[in-house]
Amino acid sequence: MMNCRRHKLGTDTDGQTGVGSVQLRRRVVDDAFLDRTIELFQTRTDRTLTREDAREMIENVTGFFRILGEWNRAEQELRRSDPTAE
């Protein structure tokens, strides 16, 4: 589904994606979680979703929230080091 996107992000053969200085690791999820992800997203598409699609969706959502957390920590760090920065 999104293999070309993974390639553009720099995923190497061991499943790690380089985003800046952060290494995102592929996490192993159980079949029940994959099935629940398919159930949730299947209603939003006409294409039959696979477990690999679900795995990629989980990785993308997890990565999105990880980046938001990093931005938040960086902003907090900036505020601590420079109270006038807003």
PDB file of N, CA and C in Angstrom:
ATOM      1  N   MET A   1       0.803  -1.185   0.000  1.00  0.00           N
ATOM      2  CA  MET A   1       0.000   0.000   0.000  1.00  0.00           C
ATOM      3  C   MET A   1       0.854   1.261   0.000  1.00  0.00           C
ATOM      4  N   MET A   2       1.783   1.381   0.955  1.00  0.00           N
ATOM      5  CA  MET A   2       2.567   2.599   1.066  1.00  0.00           C
ATOM      6  C   MET A   2       4.060   2.316   1.012  1.00  0.00           C
ATOM      7  N   ASN A   3       4.441   1.263   0.338  1.00  0.00           N
ATOM      8  CA  ASN A   3       5.851   0.877   0.302  1.00  0.00           C
ATOM      9  C   ASN A   3       6.727   1.963  -0.295  1.00  0.00           C
ATOM     10  N   CYS A   4       6.241   2.670  -1.340  1.00  0.00           N
ATOM     11  CA  CYS A   4       7.075   3.698  -1.940  1.00  0.00           C
ATOM     12  C   CYS A   4       7.301   4.833  -0.944  1.00  0.00           C
ATOM     13  N   ARG A   5       6.319   5.140  -0.105  1.00  0.00           N
ATOM     14  CA  ARG A   5       6.476   6.180   0.906  1.00  0.00           C
ATOM     15  C   ARG A   5       7.535   5.772   1.921  1.00  0.00           C
ATOM     16  N   ARG A   6       7.519   4.510   2.328  1.00  0.00           N
ATOM     17  CA  ARG A   6       8.525   4.044   3.267  1.00  0.00           C
ATOM     18  C   ARG A   6       9.908   4.189   2.678  1.00  0.00           C
ATOM     19  N   HIS A   7      10.031   3.860   1.413  1.00  0.00           N
ATOM     20  CA  HIS A   7      11.330   3.972   0.747  1.00  0.00           C
ATOM     21  C   HIS A   7      11.795   5.423   0.739  1.00  0.00           C
ATOM     22  N   LYS A   8      10.896   6.349   0.455  1.00  0.00           N
ATOM     23  CA  LYS A   8      11.269   7.759   0.417  1.00  0.00           C
ATOM     24  C   LYS A   8      11.693   8.267   1.788  1.00  0.00           C
ATOM     25  N   LEU A   9      11.130   7.688   2.864  1.00  0.00           N
ATOM     26  CA  LEU A   9      11.506   8.107   4.203  1.00  0.00           C
ATOM     27  C   LEU A   9      12.843   7.512   4.632  1.00  0.00           C
ATOM     28  N   GLY A  10      13.336   6.555   3.867  1.00  0.00           N
ATOM     29  CA  GLY A  10      14.646   5.994   4.171  1.00  0.00           C
ATOM     30  C   GLY A  10      14.605   4.741   5.012  1.00  0.00           C
ATOM     31  N   THR A  11      13.570   3.929   4.878  1.00  0.00           N
ATOM     32  CA  THR A  11      13.525   2.689   5.628  1.00  0.00           C
ATOM     33  C   THR A  11      14.591   1.750   5.103  1.00  0.00           C
ATOM     34  N   ASP A  12      15.392   1.229   6.010  1.00  0.00           N
ATOM     35  CA  ASP A  12      16.387   0.269   5.576  1.00  0.00           C
ATOM     36  C   ASP A  12      15.848  -1.141   5.773  1.00  0.00           C
ATOM     37  N   THR A  13      16.654  -2.118   5.470  1.00  0.00           N
ATOM     38  CA  THR A  13      16.164  -3.491   5.437  1.00  0.00           C
ATOM     39  C   THR A  13      15.808  -4.050   6.803  1.00  0.00           C
ATOM     40  N   ASP A  14      16.271  -3.452   7.895  1.00  0.00           N
ATOM     41  CA  ASP A  14      15.907  -3.998   9.204  1.00  0.00           C
ATOM     42  C   ASP A  14      14.687  -3.307   9.796  1.00  0.00           C
ATOM     43  N   GLY A  15      13.975  -2.495   8.995  1.00  0.00           N
ATOM     44  CA  GLY A  15      12.722  -1.924   9.446  1.00  0.00           C
ATOM     45  C   GLY A  15      12.839  -0.631  10.214  1.00  0.00           C
ATOM     46  N   GLN A  16      13.989   0.015  10.209  1.00  0.00           N
ATOM     47  CA  GLN A  16      14.141   1.284  10.908  1.00  0.00           C
ATOM     48  C   GLN A  16      14.019   2.419   9.917  1.00  0.00           C
ATOM     49  N   THR A  17      13.308   3.459  10.330  1.00  0.00           N
ATOM     50  CA  THR A  17      13.097   4.611   9.469  1.00  0.00           C
ATOM     51  C   THR A  17      13.818   5.800  10.058  1.00  0.00           C
ATOM     52  N   GLY A  18      14.675   6.427   9.261  1.00  0.00           N
ATOM     53  CA  GLY A  18      15.379   7.602   9.733  1.00  0.00           C
ATOM     54  C   GLY A  18      14.561   8.851   9.466  1.00  0.00           C
ATOM     55  N   VAL A  19      14.198   9.566  10.509  1.00  0.00           N
ATOM     56  CA  VAL A  19      13.506  10.840  10.378  1.00  0.00           C
ATOM     57  C   VAL A  19      14.341  11.823  11.183  1.00  0.00           C
ATOM     58  N   GLY A  20      15.138  12.638  10.490  1.00  0.00           N
ATOM     59  CA  GLY A  20      16.053  13.519  11.206  1.00  0.00           C
ATOM     60  C   GLY A  20      17.043  12.669  11.975  1.00  0.00           C
ATOM     61  N   SER A  21      17.184  12.977  13.263  1.00  0.00           N
ATOM     62  CA  SER A  21      18.122  12.215  14.088  1.00  0.00           C
ATOM     63  C   SER A  21      17.424  11.106  14.856  1.00  0.00           C
ATOM     64  N   VAL A  22      16.137  10.914  14.599  1.00  0.00           N
ATOM     65  CA  VAL A  22      15.352   9.933  15.355  1.00  0.00           C
ATOM     66  C   VAL A  22      15.217   8.648  14.552  1.00  0.00           C
ATOM     67  N   GLN A  23      15.403   7.528  15.198  1.00  0.00           N
ATOM     68  CA  GLN A  23      15.189   6.238  14.559  1.00  0.00           C
ATOM     69  C   GLN A  23      13.858   5.679  15.038  1.00  0.00           C
ATOM     70  N   LEU A  24      12.907   5.482  14.103  1.00  0.00           N
ATOM     71  CA  LEU A  24      11.635   4.871  14.438  1.00  0.00           C
ATOM     72  C   LEU A  24      11.744   3.386  14.152  1.00  0.00           C
ATOM     73  N   ARG A  25      11.402   2.579  15.105  1.00  0.00           N
ATOM     74  CA  ARG A  25      11.515   1.136  14.927  1.00  0.00           C
ATOM     75  C   ARG A  25      10.141   0.536  14.689  1.00  0.00           C
ATOM     76  N   ARG A  26      10.118  -0.425  13.789  1.00  0.00           N
ATOM     77  CA  ARG A  26       8.873  -1.138  13.521  1.00  0.00           C
ATOM     78  C   ARG A  26       8.552  -1.982  14.750  1.00  0.00           C
ATOM     79  N   ARG A  27       7.359  -1.821  15.266  1.00  0.00           N
ATOM     80  CA  ARG A  27       6.944  -2.598  16.417  1.00  0.00           C
ATOM     81  C   ARG A  27       6.097  -3.767  15.956  1.00  0.00           C
ATOM     82  N   VAL A  28       6.227  -4.851  16.646  1.00  0.00           N
ATOM     83  CA  VAL A  28       5.440  -6.024  16.328  1.00  0.00           C
ATOM     84  C   VAL A  28       4.124  -5.911  17.088  1.00  0.00           C
ATOM     85  N   VAL A  29       3.017  -6.061  16.362  1.00  0.00           N
ATOM     86  CA  VAL A  29       1.704  -6.018  16.994  1.00  0.00           C
ATOM     87  C   VAL A  29       1.029  -7.364  16.783  1.00  0.00           C
ATOM     88  N   ASP A  30       0.108  -7.708  17.683  1.00  0.00           N
ATOM     89  CA  ASP A  30      -0.541  -9.007  17.554  1.00  0.00           C
ATOM     90  C   ASP A  30      -1.659  -8.964  16.511  1.00  0.00           C
ATOM     91  N   ASP A  31      -2.098 -10.133  16.106  1.00  0.00           N
ATOM     92  CA  ASP A  31      -3.105 -10.259  15.062  1.00  0.00           C
ATOM     93  C   ASP A  31      -4.426  -9.597  15.449  1.00  0.00           C
ATOM     94  N   ALA A  32      -4.788  -9.666  16.718  1.00  0.00           N
ATOM     95  CA  ALA A  32      -6.045  -9.066  17.160  1.00  0.00           C
ATOM     96  C   ALA A  32      -6.023  -7.547  16.953  1.00  0.00           C
ATOM     97  N   PHE A  33      -4.890  -6.917  17.225  1.00  0.00           N
ATOM     98  CA  PHE A  33      -4.775  -5.468  17.036  1.00  0.00           C
ATOM     99  C   PHE A  33      -4.827  -5.116  15.547  1.00  0.00           C
ATOM    100  N   LEU A  34      -4.177  -5.928  14.724  1.00  0.00           N
ATOM    101  CA  LEU A  34      -4.237  -5.712  13.279  1.00  0.00           C
ATOM    102  C   LEU A  34      -5.672  -5.863  12.774  1.00  0.00           C
ATOM    103  N   ASP A  35      -6.364  -6.894  13.251  1.00  0.00           N
ATOM    104  CA  ASP A  35      -7.744  -7.122  12.827  1.00  0.00           C
ATOM    105  C   ASP A  35      -8.651  -5.971  13.261  1.00  0.00           C
ATOM    106  N   ARG A  36      -8.446  -5.472  14.462  1.00  0.00           N
ATOM    107  CA  ARG A  36      -9.255  -4.349  14.949  1.00  0.00           C
ATOM    108  C   ARG A  36      -8.974  -3.084  14.119  1.00  0.00           C
ATOM    109  N   THR A  37      -7.733  -2.891  13.728  1.00  0.00           N
ATOM    110  CA  THR A  37      -7.368  -1.751  12.883  1.00  0.00           C
ATOM    111  C   THR A  37      -8.051  -1.868  11.524  1.00  0.00           C
ATOM    112  N   ILE A  38      -8.041  -3.060  10.953  1.00  0.00           N
ATOM    113  CA  ILE A  38      -8.732  -3.277   9.680  1.00  0.00           C
ATOM    114  C   ILE A  38     -10.214  -2.984   9.838  1.00  0.00           C
ATOM    115  N   GLU A  39     -10.811  -3.487  10.901  1.00  0.00           N
ATOM    116  CA  GLU A  39     -12.239  -3.265  11.159  1.00  0.00           C
ATOM    117  C   GLU A  39     -12.560  -1.772  11.246  1.00  0.00           C
ATOM    118  N   LEU A  40     -11.704  -1.029  11.911  1.00  0.00           N
ATOM    119  CA  LEU A  40     -11.925   0.409  12.081  1.00  0.00           C
ATOM    120  C   LEU A  40     -11.830   1.159  10.754  1.00  0.00           C
ATOM    121  N   PHE A  41     -10.813   0.856   9.961  1.00  0.00           N
ATOM    122  CA  PHE A  41     -10.570   1.614   8.733  1.00  0.00           C
ATOM    123  C   PHE A  41     -11.287   1.055   7.505  1.00  0.00           C
ATOM    124  N   GLN A  42     -11.716  -0.212   7.551  1.00  0.00           N
ATOM    125  CA  GLN A  42     -12.351  -0.817   6.384  1.00  0.00           C
ATOM    126  C   GLN A  42     -13.613  -0.072   5.964  1.00  0.00           C
ATOM    127  N   THR A  43     -14.320   0.502   6.925  1.00  0.00           N
ATOM    128  CA  THR A  43     -15.554   1.237   6.610  1.00  0.00           C
ATOM    129  C   THR A  43     -15.277   2.511   5.823  1.00  0.00           C
ATOM    130  N   ARG A  44     -14.026   2.925   5.756  1.00  0.00           N
ATOM    131  CA  ARG A  44     -13.663   4.177   5.094  1.00  0.00           C
ATOM    132  C   ARG A  44     -13.092   3.997   3.693  1.00  0.00           C
ATOM    133  N   THR A  45     -13.083   2.747   3.200  1.00  0.00           N
ATOM    134  CA  THR A  45     -12.536   2.494   1.866  1.00  0.00           C
ATOM    135  C   THR A  45     -13.273   1.336   1.206  1.00  0.00           C
ATOM    136  N   ASP A  46     -13.295   1.355  -0.114  1.00  0.00           N
ATOM    137  CA  ASP A  46     -13.901   0.257  -0.871  1.00  0.00           C
ATOM    138  C   ASP A  46     -12.919  -0.880  -1.101  1.00  0.00           C
ATOM    139  N   ARG A  47     -11.642  -0.592  -0.970  1.00  0.00           N
ATOM    140  CA  ARG A  47     -10.599  -1.605  -1.188  1.00  0.00           C
ATOM    141  C   ARG A  47     -10.487  -2.487   0.050  1.00  0.00           C
ATOM    142  N   THR A  48     -10.335  -3.777  -0.162  1.00  0.00           N
ATOM    143  CA  THR A  48     -10.167  -4.704   0.955  1.00  0.00           C
ATOM    144  C   THR A  48      -8.783  -4.499   1.571  1.00  0.00           C
ATOM    145  N   LEU A  49      -8.769  -4.201   2.867  1.00  0.00           N
ATOM    146  CA  LEU A  49      -7.507  -3.952   3.560  1.00  0.00           C
ATOM    147  C   LEU A  49      -6.888  -5.259   4.043  1.00  0.00           C
ATOM    148  N   THR A  50      -5.572  -5.304   4.017  1.00  0.00           N
ATOM    149  CA  THR A  50      -4.824  -6.473   4.468  1.00  0.00           C
ATOM    150  C   THR A  50      -4.188  -6.184   5.818  1.00  0.00           C
ATOM    151  N   ARG A  51      -3.638  -7.207   6.419  1.00  0.00           N
ATOM    152  CA  ARG A  51      -2.915  -7.002   7.682  1.00  0.00           C
ATOM    153  C   ARG A  51      -1.677  -6.137   7.456  1.00  0.00           C
ATOM    154  N   GLU A  52      -1.059  -6.239   6.299  1.00  0.00           N
ATOM    155  CA  GLU A  52       0.089  -5.369   6.010  1.00  0.00           C
ATOM    156  C   GLU A  52      -0.363  -3.913   5.926  1.00  0.00           C
ATOM    157  N   ASP A  53      -1.531  -3.666   5.315  1.00  0.00           N
ATOM    158  CA  ASP A  53      -2.087  -2.308   5.295  1.00  0.00           C
ATOM    159  C   ASP A  53      -2.288  -1.808   6.721  1.00  0.00           C
ATOM    160  N   ALA A  54      -2.859  -2.670   7.571  1.00  0.00           N
ATOM    161  CA  ALA A  54      -3.110  -2.293   8.967  1.00  0.00           C
ATOM    162  C   ALA A  54      -1.802  -2.004   9.693  1.00  0.00           C
ATOM    163  N   ARG A  55      -0.793  -2.826   9.443  1.00  0.00           N
ATOM    164  CA  ARG A  55       0.514  -2.627  10.084  1.00  0.00           C
ATOM    165  C   ARG A  55       1.092  -1.262   9.681  1.00  0.00           C
ATOM    166  N   GLU A  56       0.970  -0.921   8.414  1.00  0.00           N
ATOM    167  CA  GLU A  56       1.474   0.369   7.932  1.00  0.00           C
ATOM    168  C   GLU A  56       0.678   1.532   8.526  1.00  0.00           C
ATOM    169  N   MET A  57      -0.638   1.359   8.647  1.00  0.00           N
ATOM    170  CA  MET A  57      -1.459   2.410   9.260  1.00  0.00           C
ATOM    171  C   MET A  57      -1.031   2.655  10.701  1.00  0.00           C
ATOM    172  N   ILE A  58      -0.808   1.577  11.433  1.00  0.00           N
ATOM    173  CA  ILE A  58      -0.377   1.690  12.826  1.00  0.00           C
ATOM    174  C   ILE A  58       0.970   2.399  12.906  1.00  0.00           C
ATOM    175  N   GLU A  59       1.892   2.031  12.033  1.00  0.00           N
ATOM    176  CA  GLU A  59       3.211   2.675  12.009  1.00  0.00           C
ATOM    177  C   GLU A  59       3.076   4.171  11.715  1.00  0.00           C
ATOM    178  N   ASN A  60       2.233   4.504  10.752  1.00  0.00           N
ATOM    179  CA  ASN A  60       2.072   5.913  10.371  1.00  0.00           C
ATOM    180  C   ASN A  60       1.455   6.733  11.494  1.00  0.00           C
ATOM    181  N   VAL A  61       0.417   6.213  12.128  1.00  0.00           N
ATOM    182  CA  VAL A  61      -0.232   6.942  13.225  1.00  0.00           C
ATOM    183  C   VAL A  61       0.727   7.071  14.401  1.00  0.00           C
ATOM    184  N   THR A  62       1.423   5.989  14.710  1.00  0.00           N
ATOM    185  CA  THR A  62       2.395   6.020  15.804  1.00  0.00           C
ATOM    186  C   THR A  62       3.501   7.044  15.513  1.00  0.00           C
ATOM    187  N   GLY A  63       4.005   7.045  14.305  1.00  0.00           N
ATOM    188  CA  GLY A  63       5.044   7.996  13.916  1.00  0.00           C
ATOM    189  C   GLY A  63       4.555   9.429  14.001  1.00  0.00           C
ATOM    190  N   PHE A  64       3.312   9.667  13.582  1.00  0.00           N
ATOM    191  CA  PHE A  64       2.733  10.999  13.646  1.00  0.00           C
ATOM    192  C   PHE A  64       2.716  11.516  15.080  1.00  0.00           C
ATOM    193  N   PHE A  65       2.221  10.699  16.002  1.00  0.00           N
ATOM    194  CA  PHE A  65       2.156  11.138  17.394  1.00  0.00           C
ATOM    195  C   PHE A  65       3.543  11.226  18.030  1.00  0.00           C
ATOM    196  N   ARG A  66       4.471  10.404  17.586  1.00  0.00           N
ATOM    197  CA  ARG A  66       5.846  10.494  18.087  1.00  0.00           C
ATOM    198  C   ARG A  66       6.459  11.843  17.690  1.00  0.00           C
ATOM    199  N   ILE A  67       6.240  12.251  16.443  1.00  0.00           N
ATOM    200  CA  ILE A  67       6.758  13.540  15.966  1.00  0.00           C
ATOM    201  C   ILE A  67       6.117  14.689  16.738  1.00  0.00           C
ATOM    202  N   LEU A  68       4.799  14.619  16.958  1.00  0.00           N
ATOM    203  CA  LEU A  68       4.131  15.665  17.745  1.00  0.00           C
ATOM    204  C   LEU A  68       4.734  15.756  19.147  1.00  0.00           C
ATOM    205  N   GLY A  69       5.022  14.611  19.744  1.00  0.00           N
ATOM    206  CA  GLY A  69       5.643  14.598  21.069  1.00  0.00           C
ATOM    207  C   GLY A  69       7.030  15.219  21.055  1.00  0.00           C
ATOM    208  N   GLU A  70       7.795  14.926  20.005  1.00  0.00           N
ATOM    209  CA  GLU A  70       9.133  15.501  19.883  1.00  0.00           C
ATOM    210  C   GLU A  70       9.057  17.015  19.730  1.00  0.00           C
ATOM    211  N   TRP A  71       8.125  17.482  18.918  1.00  0.00           N
ATOM    212  CA  TRP A  71       7.957  18.927  18.741  1.00  0.00           C
ATOM    213  C   TRP A  71       7.570  19.584  20.058  1.00  0.00           C
ATOM    214  N   ASN A  72       6.679  18.937  20.804  1.00  0.00           N
ATOM    215  CA  ASN A  72       6.245  19.476  22.087  1.00  0.00           C
ATOM    216  C   ASN A  72       7.425  19.554  23.069  1.00  0.00           C
ATOM    217  N   ARG A  73       8.218  18.476  23.121  1.00  0.00           N
ATOM    218  CA  ARG A  73       9.383  18.494  24.025  1.00  0.00           C
ATOM    219  C   ARG A  73      10.389  19.570  23.618  1.00  0.00           C
ATOM    220  N   ALA A  74      10.609  19.724  22.316  1.00  0.00           N
ATOM    221  CA  ALA A  74      11.546  20.746  21.836  1.00  0.00           C
ATOM    222  C   ALA A  74      11.032  22.140  22.186  1.00  0.00           C
ATOM    223  N   GLU A  75       9.737  22.359  22.046  1.00  0.00           N
ATOM    224  CA  GLU A  75       9.152  23.655  22.384  1.00  0.00           C
ATOM    225  C   GLU A  75       9.272  23.930  23.882  1.00  0.00           C
ATOM    226  N   GLN A  76       9.013  22.922  24.705  1.00  0.00           N
ATOM    227  CA  GLN A  76       9.151  23.088  26.152  1.00  0.00           C
ATOM    228  C   GLN A  76      10.600  23.380  26.532  1.00  0.00           C
ATOM    229  N   GLU A  77      11.525  22.690  25.890  1.00  0.00           N
ATOM    230  CA  GLU A  77      12.942  22.909  26.154  1.00  0.00           C
ATOM    231  C   GLU A  77      13.346  24.340  25.781  1.00  0.00           C
ATOM    232  N   LEU A  78      12.849  24.815  24.648  1.00  0.00           N
ATOM    233  CA  LEU A  78      13.127  26.177  24.216  1.00  0.00           C
ATOM    234  C   LEU A  78      12.576  27.189  25.225  1.00  0.00           C
ATOM    235  N   ARG A  79      11.380  26.945  25.699  1.00  0.00           N
ATOM    236  CA  ARG A  79      10.777  27.851  26.688  1.00  0.00           C
ATOM    237  C   ARG A  79      11.568  27.878  27.995  1.00  0.00           C
ATOM    238  N   ARG A  80      12.086  26.693  28.398  1.00  0.00           N
ATOM    239  CA  ARG A  80      12.880  26.649  29.631  1.00  0.00           C
ATOM    240  C   ARG A  80      14.191  27.398  29.461  1.00  0.00           C
ATOM    241  N   SER A  81      14.796  27.276  28.274  1.00  0.00           N
ATOM    242  CA  SER A  81      16.092  27.903  28.063  1.00  0.00           C
ATOM    243  C   SER A  81      15.962  29.402  27.719  1.00  0.00           C
ATOM    244  N   ASP A  82      14.806  29.803  27.172  1.00  0.00           N
ATOM    245  CA  ASP A  82      14.585  31.212  26.798  1.00  0.00           C
ATOM    246  C   ASP A  82      13.143  31.569  27.112  1.00  0.00           C
ATOM    247  N   PRO A  83      12.889  32.048  28.332  1.00  0.00           N
ATOM    248  CA  PRO A  83      11.519  32.358  28.767  1.00  0.00           C
ATOM    249  C   PRO A  83      10.825  33.419  27.885  1.00  0.00           C
ATOM    250  N   THR A  84      11.579  34.205  27.120  1.00  0.00           N
ATOM    251  CA  THR A  84      10.957  35.219  26.276  1.00  0.00           C
ATOM    252  C   THR A  84      10.492  34.638  24.947  1.00  0.00           C
ATOM    253  N   ALA A  85      10.913  33.417  24.620  1.00  0.00           N
ATOM    254  CA  ALA A  85      10.500  32.800  23.354  1.00  0.00           C
ATOM    255  C   ALA A  85       9.059  32.315  23.460  1.00  0.00           C
ATOM    256  N   GLU A  86       8.219  32.776  22.610  1.00  0.00           N
ATOM    257  CA  GLU A  86       6.806  32.372  22.609  1.00  0.00           C
ATOM    258  C   GLU A  86       6.401  32.035  21.225  1.00  0.00           C
TER     259      GLU A  86
END
